Amino acid sequence: MAHTSEVITHQAHGSGRWFPGDRRELQQMVETYMKNAQPKSVDGRIVAAIAPHAGFIYSGKVAGFTFQAIKDNAKKMGAPETVVVLGFSHQGGFSGVALMDGDFIETPLGKASLDKEASEFLTAESPRIFMDYGPHRGEHSAENEIPFVQAALPKSKVVVGLIGDHDPKTLNSLVGALDALSGKKRLLVVASTDMLHDPSYDLVRKTDEKTLEKLAAMDSKGLQETWGYDKQIFCGIGPVLVAMGFARAQGAKKASVLYYRNSGDDFPESRGRWVVGYGSAVFAVDENTAK
């Protein structure tokens, strides 16, 4: 049987659209957002995180908090071998979790290695998890985190996954598979999500404040009960619930909310038209009690 050794490299769709297509410009932008963040120090090892995925001029400042905290934590506690970035499809749902195939995902900052071994392990754990690049075509939710991962953790490999449905069986099977994988590799799970979208600045701010309180308390049930297709407190509620479930399985008791901002803060002209919330949070575990 012929064995192909062709290297598959996927180009990030966001280049030149959601973030600068020029290497130097993108590098400066990401590093500035991270350097300016100065998040509070996190006790324990960060095992999961929440970061937004809009155009970097809108949400990059908030993402900077998540990834600077991750960078600082990696220096103190050791870097994760693999970062699992979880997004969802804006184009429409599908059943299960689609992992990006191939060898690399490339942004203007260079190529990030896709962890094929980790992906194969995850797909073997559940029939709901499979390799399929199809849903990733044109989808930015997970890919928009990659330049920040490259800046914060240049040596870590990545797994890029899109969660296609809200079925508890899908979410639970992914949590279980990630928990099993964490016995073989040091993992960080990043959930990519923006918060409420609404014309009302005040409604977005008040709703997001309550959502972040539930997140800090790791109140999965409360988040699920509040969420609806007509009230998307997190557009990526699936990735958030999986990151939280994984963090809980690892021994995390709470989330640290690092920063919040919405598009109406930086672009007041958007108030009354379309305001989007952005939150940064991390989940950490005490290394002595961690799995």
Protein backbone atom coordinates (compact mmCIF):
# COMPACT_ATOMS: atom_id res chain seq x y z
CA MET A 1 0.00 0.00 0.00
CA ALA A 2 1.40 3.42 -0.93
CA HIS A 3 2.38 5.52 2.05
CA THR A 4 2.03 9.25 1.55
CA SER A 5 4.34 11.49 3.50
CA GLU A 6 2.78 14.70 2.22
CA VAL A 7 2.82 17.44 4.84
CA ILE A 8 -0.57 19.14 5.27
CA THR A 9 -0.51 22.77 6.34
CA HIS A 10 -3.77 24.67 6.86
CA GLN A 11 -3.77 28.44 6.49
CA ALA A 12 -5.62 30.39 9.19
CA HIS A 13 -8.59 32.11 7.55
CA GLY A 14 -8.36 35.16 9.78
CA SER A 15 -5.11 36.41 8.30
CA GLY A 16 -5.65 39.85 6.80
CA ARG A 17 -9.27 39.81 7.91
CA TRP A 18 -9.70 39.24 11.63
CA PHE A 19 -6.08 40.12 12.35
CA PRO A 20 -3.20 41.64 10.34
CA GLY A 21 -1.79 39.54 7.49
CA ASP A 22 1.66 41.06 7.98
CA ARG A 23 3.94 39.16 10.37
CA ARG A 24 5.56 42.15 12.04
CA GLU A 25 2.30 44.02 12.44
CA LEU A 26 0.54 40.99 13.93
CA GLN A 27 3.45 40.21 16.26
CA GLN A 28 3.54 43.76 17.55
CA MET A 29 -0.22 43.82 18.03
CA VAL A 30 -0.39 40.53 19.97
CA GLU A 31 2.68 41.30 22.09
CA THR A 32 1.35 44.78 22.93
CA TYR A 33 -2.04 43.42 24.00
CA MET A 34 -0.32 40.85 26.21
CA LYS A 35 2.28 43.22 27.67
CA ASN A 36 -0.34 45.87 28.49
CA ALA A 37 -2.64 43.35 30.17
CA GLN A 38 -0.70 42.78 33.42
CA PRO A 39 -3.21 40.24 34.80
CA LYS A 40 -3.23 39.37 38.47
CA SER A 41 -1.03 36.41 39.43
CA VAL A 42 -2.81 33.05 39.39
CA ASP A 43 -2.23 30.49 42.13
CA GLY A 44 -1.70 26.93 40.93
CA ARG A 45 -1.38 25.63 37.38
CA ILE A 46 -3.75 26.92 34.70
CA VAL A 47 -5.52 23.97 33.06
CA ALA A 48 -8.28 25.79 31.16
CA ALA A 49 -9.07 29.29 29.96
CA ILE A 50 -11.66 31.47 28.22
CA ALA A 51 -10.71 33.97 25.51
CA PRO A 52 -12.70 35.98 22.92
CA HIS A 53 -12.39 35.55 19.15
CA ALA A 54 -13.58 38.74 17.43
CA GLY A 55 -11.44 40.96 15.21
CA PHE A 56 -8.31 41.70 17.23
CA ILE A 57 -8.94 45.46 17.29
CA TYR A 58 -12.15 44.69 19.22
CA SER A 59 -11.29 41.73 21.44
CA GLY A 60 -7.48 41.52 21.40
CA LYS A 61 -7.10 43.60 24.54
CA VAL A 62 -9.21 41.07 26.49
CA ALA A 63 -7.53 38.02 24.90
CA GLY A 64 -4.21 39.60 25.95
CA PHE A 65 -5.18 39.07 29.62
CA THR A 66 -5.89 35.36 29.10
CA PHE A 67 -2.68 34.67 27.23
CA GLN A 68 -0.38 36.83 29.35
CA ALA A 69 -1.69 34.96 32.41
CA ILE A 70 -0.99 31.68 30.58
CA LYS A 71 2.53 32.83 29.63
CA ASP A 72 3.34 33.95 33.19
CA ASN A 73 1.91 30.72 34.59
CA ALA A 74 3.93 28.57 32.17
CA LYS A 75 7.15 30.23 33.37
CA LYS A 76 6.23 29.45 36.97
CA MET A 77 4.55 26.04 36.64
CA GLY A 78 5.89 24.69 33.33
CA ALA A 79 4.33 24.98 29.89
CA PRO A 80 1.61 22.62 28.65
CA GLU A 81 2.76 20.16 26.00
CA THR A 82 -0.48 20.61 24.09
CA VAL A 83 -3.07 23.38 23.88
CA VAL A 84 -6.55 22.21 22.90
CA VAL A 85 -8.38 25.17 21.35
CA LEU A 86 -12.14 24.67 21.19
CA GLY A 87 -14.45 26.75 19.02
CA PHE A 88 -17.75 26.19 17.22
CA SER A 89 -19.14 26.73 13.75
CA HIS A 90 -20.79 30.06 12.95
CA GLN A 91 -21.95 28.51 9.66
CA GLY A 92 -24.28 25.97 11.23
CA GLY A 93 -24.22 22.97 13.51
CA PHE A 94 -23.26 19.33 13.02
CA SER A 95 -23.16 16.30 15.29
CA GLY A 96 -20.11 15.80 17.45
CA VAL A 97 -16.64 17.38 17.59
CA ALA A 98 -14.55 17.95 14.44
CA LEU A 99 -10.79 18.05 14.99
CA MET A 100 -8.52 19.68 12.42
CA ASP A 101 -6.43 17.13 10.55
CA GLY A 102 -2.96 17.70 9.13
CA ASP A 103 0.47 18.67 10.41
CA PHE A 104 0.41 22.44 10.87
CA ILE A 105 -1.82 25.48 11.08
CA GLU A 106 -0.10 28.57 9.71
CA THR A 107 -0.61 32.20 10.68
CA PRO A 108 1.60 35.18 9.77
CA LEU A 109 3.58 34.32 12.96
CA GLY A 110 4.58 30.96 11.45
CA LYS A 111 3.47 27.34 11.66
CA ALA A 112 1.98 25.86 14.82
CA SER A 113 2.37 22.07 15.03
CA LEU A 114 -0.87 20.13 15.21
CA ASP A 115 -0.59 17.34 17.78
CA LYS A 116 -1.61 14.33 15.71
CA GLU A 117 -0.94 11.89 18.54
CA ALA A 118 -3.30 13.81 20.85
CA SER A 119 -5.99 14.03 18.15
CA GLU A 120 -5.77 10.29 17.46
CA PHE A 121 -6.11 9.58 21.19
CA LEU A 122 -9.21 11.78 21.46
CA THR A 123 -10.92 10.25 18.41
CA ALA A 124 -10.25 6.75 19.79
CA GLU A 125 -11.97 7.72 23.07
CA SER A 126 -15.37 8.53 21.57
CA PRO A 127 -17.22 8.07 18.24
CA ARG A 128 -18.53 11.61 18.73
CA ILE A 129 -14.99 12.98 18.22
CA PHE A 130 -13.58 12.69 14.69
CA MET A 131 -11.04 14.18 12.29
CA ASP A 132 -12.74 16.39 9.69
CA TYR A 133 -11.43 19.60 8.21
CA GLY A 134 -14.79 20.36 6.54
CA PRO A 135 -16.37 22.42 9.36
CA HIS A 136 -13.09 24.35 9.79
CA ARG A 137 -13.26 25.86 6.29
CA GLY A 138 -13.88 29.57 6.67
CA GLU A 139 -14.43 29.27 10.44
CA HIS A 140 -12.54 31.71 12.68
CA SER A 141 -13.69 30.93 16.23
CA ALA A 142 -10.87 28.53 17.19
CA GLU A 143 -8.26 29.74 14.68
CA ASN A 144 -8.34 33.32 15.98
CA GLU A 145 -6.73 32.08 19.21
CA ILE A 146 -3.72 30.57 17.42
CA PRO A 147 -1.58 33.76 17.10
CA PHE A 148 -1.99 34.31 20.85
CA VAL A 149 -1.07 30.67 21.57
CA GLN A 150 2.03 31.09 19.38
CA ALA A 151 3.05 34.23 21.29
CA ALA A 152 2.39 32.82 24.77
CA LEU A 153 3.50 29.19 24.29
CA PRO A 154 5.78 29.00 21.24
CA LYS A 155 6.88 25.41 21.93
CA SER A 156 3.46 23.87 22.63
CA LYS A 157 1.61 21.82 20.03
CA VAL A 158 -2.06 22.44 19.34
CA VAL A 159 -5.29 20.55 18.77
CA VAL A 160 -7.97 22.65 17.06
CA GLY A 161 -11.53 21.43 17.60
CA LEU A 162 -15.01 22.67 16.69
CA ILE A 163 -17.98 21.54 18.78
CA GLY A 164 -20.97 21.09 16.46
CA ASP A 165 -23.89 20.55 18.87
CA HIS A 166 -25.09 21.18 22.42
CA ASP A 167 -25.93 17.57 23.24
CA PRO A 168 -24.74 16.82 26.80
CA LYS A 169 -23.47 13.44 25.51
CA THR A 170 -21.16 15.24 23.07
CA LEU A 171 -19.89 17.68 25.71
CA ASN A 172 -19.46 14.97 28.36
CA SER A 173 -17.65 12.62 25.99
CA LEU A 174 -15.20 15.39 25.06
CA VAL A 175 -14.60 16.23 28.75
CA GLY A 176 -13.95 12.54 29.46
CA ALA A 177 -11.61 12.18 26.48
CA LEU A 178 -9.63 15.31 27.45
CA ASP A 179 -9.41 14.12 31.06
CA ALA A 180 -8.06 10.77 29.86
CA LEU A 181 -5.57 12.53 27.56
CA SER A 182 -4.35 14.65 30.48
CA GLY A 183 -3.00 11.44 32.01
CA LYS A 184 -0.58 11.20 29.08
CA LYS A 185 0.17 14.86 28.28
CA ARG A 186 0.15 18.13 30.18
CA LEU A 187 -2.85 19.92 28.68
CA LEU A 188 -4.31 23.38 28.50
CA VAL A 189 -7.88 23.70 27.17
CA VAL A 190 -8.84 27.10 25.72
CA ALA A 191 -12.52 27.85 25.08
CA SER A 192 -13.03 30.46 22.39
CA THR A 193 -16.14 32.57 22.90
CA ASP A 194 -17.53 36.08 22.83
CA MET A 195 -20.31 37.11 25.20
CA LEU A 196 -23.71 38.75 24.68
CA HIS A 197 -24.41 40.54 21.38
CA ASP A 198 -27.12 43.20 21.58
CA PRO A 199 -27.71 46.84 20.54
CA SER A 200 -28.06 47.87 24.21
CA TYR A 201 -24.74 48.67 25.89
CA ASP A 202 -26.34 48.54 29.37
CA LEU A 203 -28.02 45.20 28.74
CA VAL A 204 -24.78 43.66 27.47
CA ARG A 205 -22.82 44.95 30.46
CA LYS A 206 -25.36 43.82 33.08
CA THR A 207 -25.94 40.41 31.47
CA ASP A 208 -22.22 39.74 31.06
CA GLU A 209 -21.58 40.69 34.69
CA LYS A 210 -24.06 38.03 35.87
CA THR A 211 -22.63 35.49 33.40
CA LEU A 212 -19.09 36.06 34.70
CA GLU A 213 -20.32 35.58 38.29
CA LYS A 214 -21.69 32.17 37.29
CA LEU A 215 -18.46 31.38 35.46
CA ALA A 216 -16.34 32.31 38.49
CA ALA A 217 -18.46 29.99 40.65
CA MET A 218 -18.18 27.25 37.98
CA ASP A 219 -21.98 27.11 37.89
CA SER A 220 -22.43 25.04 34.72
CA LYS A 221 -26.10 24.42 35.46
CA GLY A 222 -26.80 28.13 35.90
CA LEU A 223 -25.04 28.97 32.65
CA GLN A 224 -26.95 26.29 30.74
CA GLU A 225 -30.29 27.41 32.18
CA THR A 226 -29.62 31.06 31.25
CA TRP A 227 -28.40 30.31 27.72
CA GLY A 228 -30.71 30.11 24.72
CA TYR A 229 -30.43 30.61 20.97
CA ASP A 230 -32.21 33.93 21.52
CA LYS A 231 -30.02 34.77 24.56
CA GLN A 232 -26.47 33.70 23.82
CA ILE A 233 -24.69 34.72 27.02
CA PHE A 234 -21.71 32.93 25.46
CA CYS A 235 -21.88 32.36 21.70
CA GLY A 236 -19.50 29.44 22.39
CA ILE A 237 -21.37 27.94 25.36
CA GLY A 238 -20.29 24.40 24.28
CA PRO A 239 -16.55 25.18 24.46
CA VAL A 240 -17.07 26.99 27.80
CA LEU A 241 -18.94 24.04 29.35
CA VAL A 242 -16.26 21.61 28.15
CA ALA A 243 -13.40 23.79 29.47
CA MET A 244 -15.21 24.10 32.79
CA GLY A 245 -15.95 20.36 32.94
CA PHE A 246 -12.32 19.55 32.18
CA ALA A 247 -11.11 22.04 34.81
CA ARG A 248 -13.46 20.50 37.37
CA ALA A 249 -12.21 16.99 36.54
CA GLN A 250 -8.64 18.27 37.06
CA GLY A 251 -9.54 19.60 40.51
CA ALA A 252 -10.34 23.28 39.88
CA LYS A 253 -12.85 24.79 42.31
CA LYS A 254 -13.40 28.21 40.72
CA ALA A 255 -12.50 30.40 37.77
CA SER A 256 -10.48 33.62 38.02
CA VAL A 257 -12.11 36.32 35.91
CA LEU A 258 -9.18 38.46 34.74
CA TYR A 259 -10.82 41.15 32.62
CA TYR A 260 -14.02 42.22 30.94
CA ARG A 261 -14.74 44.76 28.24
CA ASN A 262 -17.21 45.18 25.42
CA SER A 263 -17.08 46.80 22.01
CA GLY A 264 -19.12 49.74 23.32
CA ASP A 265 -16.27 50.65 25.71
CA ASP A 266 -13.69 51.12 22.96
CA PHE A 267 -16.07 52.07 20.17
CA PRO A 268 -18.84 54.16 21.81
CA GLU A 269 -20.39 54.74 18.38
CA SER A 270 -21.44 51.05 18.41
CA ARG A 271 -23.77 51.64 21.38
CA GLY A 272 -27.38 51.39 20.28
CA ARG A 273 -26.31 49.59 17.11
CA TRP A 274 -24.43 46.41 18.01
CA VAL A 275 -22.44 45.78 21.20
CA VAL A 276 -20.46 42.57 21.87
CA GLY A 277 -19.08 41.50 25.25
CA TYR A 278 -15.63 39.96 25.77
CA GLY A 279 -14.41 38.13 28.88
CA SER A 280 -11.10 36.68 30.01
CA ALA A 281 -10.92 33.92 32.63
CA VAL A 282 -8.67 31.04 33.70
CA PHE A 283 -9.14 27.88 35.77
CA ALA A 284 -6.21 26.71 37.89
CA VAL A 285 -5.50 23.70 40.08
CA ASP A 286 -3.27 23.24 43.08
CA GLU A 287 -0.39 21.10 41.82
CA ASN A 288 -0.38 19.06 45.04
CA THR A 289 -3.98 17.95 44.58
CA ALA A 290 -4.09 18.01 40.77
CA LYS A 291 -4.68 14.77 38.89
